[in-house]
Protein backbone atom coordinates (compact mmCIF):
# COMPACT_ATOMS: atom_id res chain seq x y z
CA THR A 1 0.00 0.00 0.00
CA CYS A 2 2.75 2.44 0.99
CA GLY A 3 4.72 1.51 -2.13
CA LEU A 4 1.75 2.08 -4.45
CA THR A 5 1.02 5.40 -2.75
CA GLY A 6 4.64 6.44 -3.13
CA GLY A 7 4.56 5.56 -6.82
CA ILE A 8 1.44 7.67 -7.45
CA GLU A 9 2.84 10.57 -5.43
CA ILE A 10 6.14 10.49 -7.31
CA CYS A 11 4.40 10.56 -10.72
CA ILE A 12 2.47 13.66 -9.64
CA THR A 13 5.27 15.61 -8.00
CA TYR A 14 8.42 14.43 -9.80
CA PRO A 15 8.85 17.60 -11.94
CA THR A 16 9.48 19.55 -8.72
CA GLU A 17 12.14 16.98 -7.76
CA TYR A 18 13.73 17.32 -11.20
CA VAL A 19 13.83 21.13 -10.98
CA LYS A 20 15.19 20.99 -7.41
CA THR A 21 18.03 18.70 -8.47
CA GLN A 22 18.88 20.83 -11.51
CA LEU A 23 19.07 23.98 -9.40
CA GLN A 24 21.25 22.23 -6.82
CA LEU A 25 23.63 21.03 -9.55
CA ASP A 26 23.78 24.51 -11.08
CA GLU A 27 26.95 26.36 -10.11
CA LYS A 28 28.18 29.89 -10.60
CA ALA A 29 30.49 30.72 -13.46
CA GLY A 30 34.08 30.03 -12.54
CA THR A 31 33.47 26.44 -11.45
CA ALA A 32 30.96 25.56 -14.16
CA ALA A 33 28.60 27.46 -16.42
CA LYS A 34 25.40 28.41 -14.64
CA GLN A 35 22.45 27.35 -16.77
CA TYR A 36 19.35 28.52 -14.90
CA GLU A 37 18.18 31.76 -13.30
CA GLY A 38 15.51 30.13 -11.17
CA ILE A 39 12.59 27.69 -11.09
CA VAL A 40 10.60 29.16 -14.00
CA ASP A 41 13.71 29.51 -16.18
CA CYS A 42 14.66 25.89 -15.48
CA VAL A 43 11.18 24.63 -16.46
CA LYS A 44 11.11 26.76 -19.63
CA LYS A 45 14.55 25.68 -20.83
CA THR A 46 13.91 22.01 -20.07
CA VAL A 47 10.58 21.95 -21.92
CA ARG A 48 12.03 23.93 -24.84
CA LYS A 49 14.98 21.57 -25.23
CA HIS A 50 13.48 18.18 -24.26
CA GLY A 51 9.71 18.64 -24.22
CA VAL A 52 7.42 18.17 -21.23
CA LEU A 53 8.71 14.62 -20.71
CA GLY A 54 12.14 16.13 -20.05
CA LEU A 55 10.82 17.10 -16.60
CA TYR A 56 10.48 13.39 -15.86
CA ARG A 57 14.09 12.43 -16.55
CA GLY A 58 15.15 9.93 -13.87
CA LEU A 59 11.56 9.15 -12.80
CA SER A 60 11.94 5.42 -13.39
CA VAL A 61 14.67 5.23 -10.75
CA LEU A 62 12.42 6.59 -8.01
CA LEU A 63 9.52 4.40 -9.13
CA TYR A 64 11.67 1.28 -8.89
CA GLY A 65 12.81 2.28 -5.41
CA SER A 66 9.53 3.55 -3.93
CA ILE A 67 8.20 0.19 -2.72
CA PRO A 68 11.34 -1.05 -0.90
CA LYS A 69 12.01 2.44 0.49
CA SER A 70 8.57 2.71 2.09
CA ALA A 71 8.78 -0.85 3.35
CA VAL A 72 12.17 -0.28 5.00
CA ARG A 73 11.21 3.14 6.41
CA PHE A 74 7.99 2.17 8.17
CA GLY A 75 9.04 -1.39 8.90
CA SER A 76 12.23 -0.29 10.66
CA PHE A 77 10.41 2.49 12.55
CA GLU A 78 7.82 0.05 13.89
CA THR A 79 10.62 -2.42 14.74
CA PHE A 80 12.59 0.18 16.69
CA LYS A 81 9.39 1.40 18.32
CA GLY A 82 8.59 -2.17 19.37
CA PHE A 83 12.02 -2.56 20.96
CA VAL A 84 11.55 0.65 22.92
CA VAL A 85 7.97 0.34 24.21
CA GLY A 86 7.62 -3.47 24.22
CA GLU A 87 4.18 -4.66 25.27
CA SER A 88 3.38 -1.50 27.23
CA LYS A 89 1.89 0.35 24.21
CA LEU A 90 2.88 3.61 25.90
CA PRO A 91 3.56 6.65 23.68
CA LEU A 92 7.19 7.32 22.80
CA THR A 93 9.06 9.98 24.75
CA PRO A 94 10.51 12.90 22.71
CA GLY A 95 13.97 11.33 22.75
CA GLN A 96 12.61 7.94 21.70
CA ARG A 97 10.72 9.51 18.78
CA LEU A 98 13.93 11.07 17.51
CA LEU A 99 15.94 7.87 17.89
CA CYS A 100 13.34 5.62 16.23
CA GLY A 101 12.96 8.07 13.35
CA LEU A 102 16.73 8.37 13.03
CA GLY A 103 17.04 4.57 12.91
CA ALA A 104 14.38 4.36 10.19
CA GLY A 105 16.14 7.03 8.11
CA VAL A 106 19.59 5.47 8.42
CA SER A 107 18.16 2.04 7.50
CA GLU A 108 16.47 3.27 4.32
CA ALA A 109 19.53 5.37 3.39
CA ILE A 110 21.87 2.38 3.46
CA LEU A 111 19.58 -0.29 2.03
CA VAL A 112 17.64 1.64 -0.64
CA VAL A 113 17.98 5.41 -0.92
CA THR A 114 21.69 5.88 -1.63
CA PRO A 115 21.87 3.80 -4.85
CA MET A 116 18.44 5.06 -5.93
CA GLU A 117 19.32 8.73 -5.39
CA THR A 118 22.78 8.35 -6.94
CA ILE A 119 21.31 6.93 -10.14
CA LYS A 120 18.55 9.56 -10.20
CA VAL A 121 21.00 12.46 -9.82
CA LYS A 122 23.35 11.05 -12.47
CA PHE A 123 20.43 10.61 -14.89
CA ILE A 124 19.34 14.23 -14.36
CA ASN A 125 22.96 15.42 -14.53
CA ASP A 126 23.44 13.48 -17.79
CA ARG A 127 20.51 15.39 -19.30
CA ARG A 128 22.51 18.62 -18.87
CA ALA A 129 25.13 17.42 -21.37
CA GLU A 130 24.95 18.29 -25.07
CA ASN A 131 25.05 14.58 -25.93
CA PRO A 132 23.47 12.56 -23.08
CA ARG A 133 24.99 9.07 -22.67
CA PHE A 134 22.24 7.26 -20.79
CA LYS A 135 19.63 5.71 -23.10
CA GLY A 136 17.53 4.13 -20.36
CA PHE A 137 17.55 2.80 -16.81
CA ILE A 138 19.43 -0.46 -17.48
CA HIS A 139 21.85 1.16 -19.94
CA GLY A 140 22.55 4.05 -17.58
CA CYS A 141 23.19 1.77 -14.60
CA SER A 142 25.52 -0.41 -16.65
CA LEU A 143 27.56 2.64 -17.72
CA ILE A 144 27.81 3.90 -14.13
CA VAL A 145 29.07 0.52 -12.93
CA LYS A 146 31.44 0.25 -15.91
CA ASP A 147 32.89 3.73 -15.30
CA GLU A 148 33.03 3.74 -11.50
CA GLY A 149 32.48 0.16 -10.37
CA PHE A 150 29.69 -0.98 -8.05
CA GLY A 151 30.83 1.66 -5.59
CA GLY A 152 29.64 4.24 -8.12
CA LEU A 153 26.10 3.46 -7.02
CA TYR A 154 27.01 4.41 -3.46
CA LYS A 155 28.44 7.86 -4.07
CA GLY A 156 27.33 10.34 -1.42
CA VAL A 157 26.45 7.64 1.11
CA THR A 158 27.53 9.84 4.05
CA PRO A 159 25.36 12.89 3.21
CA THR A 160 22.51 10.52 2.25
CA ILE A 161 22.64 8.87 5.68
CA LEU A 162 22.74 12.33 7.28
CA LYS A 163 19.86 13.51 5.10
CA GLN A 164 17.58 10.48 5.51
CA GLY A 165 18.43 10.10 9.18
CA SER A 166 17.60 13.74 9.95
CA ASN A 167 14.59 13.60 7.59
CA GLN A 168 12.89 10.74 9.38
CA ALA A 169 14.01 11.85 12.84
CA ILE A 170 12.31 15.22 12.26
CA ARG A 171 9.22 13.82 10.51
CA PHE A 172 8.44 10.99 12.91
CA TYR A 173 9.19 13.26 15.90
CA VAL A 174 6.78 15.93 14.65
CA MET A 175 4.11 13.39 13.61
CA GLU A 176 4.20 11.44 16.88
CA THR A 177 4.20 14.68 18.90
CA LEU A 178 1.22 16.16 17.03
CA LYS A 179 -0.73 12.88 17.22
CA ASN A 180 -0.18 12.65 20.98
CA TRP A 181 -1.29 16.26 21.33
CA TYR A 182 -4.46 15.59 19.31
CA ARG A 183 -5.29 12.45 21.31
CA GLY A 184 -4.85 14.26 24.60
CA GLY A 185 -3.05 11.30 26.13
CA ASP A 186 -5.67 8.72 25.10
CA GLN A 187 -3.93 6.34 22.66
CA SER A 188 -7.27 4.76 21.66
CA VAL A 189 -8.38 7.98 19.93
CA ARG A 190 -8.02 7.72 16.15
CA VAL A 191 -6.61 10.77 14.37
CA PRO A 192 -8.81 11.65 11.32
CA THR A 193 -7.22 11.10 7.91
CA LEU A 194 -7.42 14.78 6.93
CA VAL A 195 -5.80 15.87 10.21
CA THR A 196 -3.06 13.27 9.66
CA GLY A 197 -2.45 14.78 6.22
CA ILE A 198 -2.14 18.28 7.67
CA PHE A 199 0.24 17.04 10.35
CA GLY A 200 2.23 15.20 7.66
CA ALA A 201 2.57 18.30 5.48
CA PHE A 202 3.83 20.28 8.49
CA ALA A 203 6.29 17.52 9.40
CA GLY A 204 7.55 17.49 5.81
CA ALA A 205 8.06 21.26 5.84
CA CYS A 206 10.03 21.01 9.10
CA SER A 207 12.36 18.42 7.54
CA VAL A 208 12.91 20.54 4.42
CA PHE A 209 13.95 23.65 6.33
CA GLY A 210 15.95 21.50 8.73
CA ASN A 211 18.17 19.65 6.27
CA THR A 212 18.16 21.21 2.79
CA PRO A 213 21.90 22.06 3.14
CA ILE A 214 22.59 18.33 3.57
CA ASP A 215 20.40 17.60 0.53
CA VAL A 216 22.43 20.06 -1.58
CA LEU A 217 25.70 18.37 -0.53
CA LYS A 218 24.22 14.94 -1.28
CA THR A 219 23.19 16.08 -4.76
CA ARG A 220 26.64 17.51 -5.52
CA MET A 221 28.38 14.36 -4.23
CA GLN A 222 26.19 12.15 -6.42
CA GLY A 223 26.44 14.23 -9.61
CA LEU A 224 28.62 13.39 -12.60
CA GLU A 225 31.17 16.03 -11.47
CA ALA A 226 31.48 14.60 -7.94
CA LYS A 227 35.12 13.60 -8.56
CA LYS A 228 36.25 17.17 -7.91
CA TYR A 229 35.25 16.76 -4.24
CA LYS A 230 37.46 14.74 -1.90
CA ASN A 231 34.63 14.07 0.54
CA THR A 232 31.47 15.62 1.99
CA LEU A 233 33.38 18.16 4.10
CA ASP A 234 35.47 19.23 1.11
CA CYS A 235 32.26 19.63 -0.91
CA ALA A 236 30.73 21.83 1.80
CA ILE A 237 33.84 24.02 1.98
CA LYS A 238 34.02 24.49 -1.81
CA VAL A 239 30.29 25.26 -2.14
CA PHE A 240 30.56 27.86 0.64
CA ARG A 241 33.77 29.37 -0.76
CA ASN A 242 32.59 29.53 -4.39
CA GLU A 243 28.87 30.23 -4.01
CA GLY A 244 28.14 31.47 -0.51
CA VAL A 245 25.69 30.40 2.18
CA THR A 246 22.61 30.77 -0.05
CA ALA A 247 23.86 27.91 -2.26
CA PHE A 248 23.03 25.51 0.59
CA TYR A 249 19.35 26.34 0.13
CA LYS A 250 19.11 25.94 -3.63
CA GLY A 251 15.96 24.12 -4.70
CA THR A 252 14.19 24.70 -1.37
CA LEU A 253 10.85 25.80 -2.89
CA PRO A 254 10.38 22.90 -5.34
CA ARG A 255 11.58 20.46 -2.67
CA LEU A 256 9.13 21.95 -0.16
CA THR A 257 6.25 21.45 -2.59
CA ARG A 258 7.09 17.80 -3.26
CA VAL A 259 8.02 16.79 0.28
CA CYS A 260 4.93 18.27 1.96
CA LEU A 261 2.64 16.43 -0.46
CA ASP A 262 4.77 13.28 -0.23
CA VAL A 263 4.76 13.09 3.57
CA ALA A 264 1.07 14.03 3.86
CA ILE A 265 -0.06 11.32 1.41
CA THR A 266 2.30 8.67 2.78
CA PHE A 267 1.25 9.11 6.41
CA MET A 268 -2.45 9.22 5.52
CA ILE A 269 -2.23 5.94 3.63
CA TYR A 270 0.06 4.37 6.22
CA ASP A 271 -2.21 5.26 9.17
CA ASN A 272 -5.28 3.89 7.38
CA PHE A 273 -3.42 0.72 6.44
CA MET A 274 -2.26 0.18 10.03
CA TYR A 275 -5.79 0.83 11.32
CA LEU A 276 -7.23 -1.84 9.00
CA PHE A 277 -4.35 -4.20 9.76
CA ASN A 278 -4.96 -3.92 13.52
CA LYS A 279 -8.68 -4.48 12.98
CA ILE A 280 -8.05 -7.70 11.06
CA TRP A 281 -5.15 -8.92 13.22
CA PRO A 282 -5.66 -7.28 16.64
């Protein structure tokens, strides 16, 4: 259910992810030629050069990874939550919410997100070239492995772990906190689907403003020009030195749009699924 929901959500919101990644890859003249002046300019130039479907470059990668990512994220969160609360069914403390969310984010980063995001970024980055090399998902993956080895699929693993870990720590912390507030301490109270969606959108926004700088570093480390960075720290130093502090928040608006919708839909479907699951197998 979560996987199907993620697939539908990605198809709807992927153009914002594409634009976000393009803006994060765009650098000032001196390190590379800057191609876009902003969100609208990026959309116009992409559609003019590649058509509307150009905004969906790299979509297949996220579709292939949506099901295992959702499964690992929520499965690991519930597993960690089970370890913490046991049979007591008591609500998580603030610290426990952060730790369980962090564990879920790190798990999905290592098992699913890093290779998925690396391939997605390289596909989008490849589109920027005059003569793109990647002809499709399988062909693109084979070229990445041929050029960089299997480790090429795990570029940017450190910032991805930091990003996903902080993402889920923030989101699950905010969601669990807001749900407990709504229930007023009574865990038997069911939070309405619409309210869950609103809470999810807010949690998504919190994660965007909280870790977009990490997302920018992850994108740079996974791009086709990542070889010019020694490591994540070196990337951060060079971005700051060459482009200033504002470069760490490139792509914030399109990312905010996608993430808020993503988190709202995912939590609404997940909560309804868990409610039905507990009804059938109490």
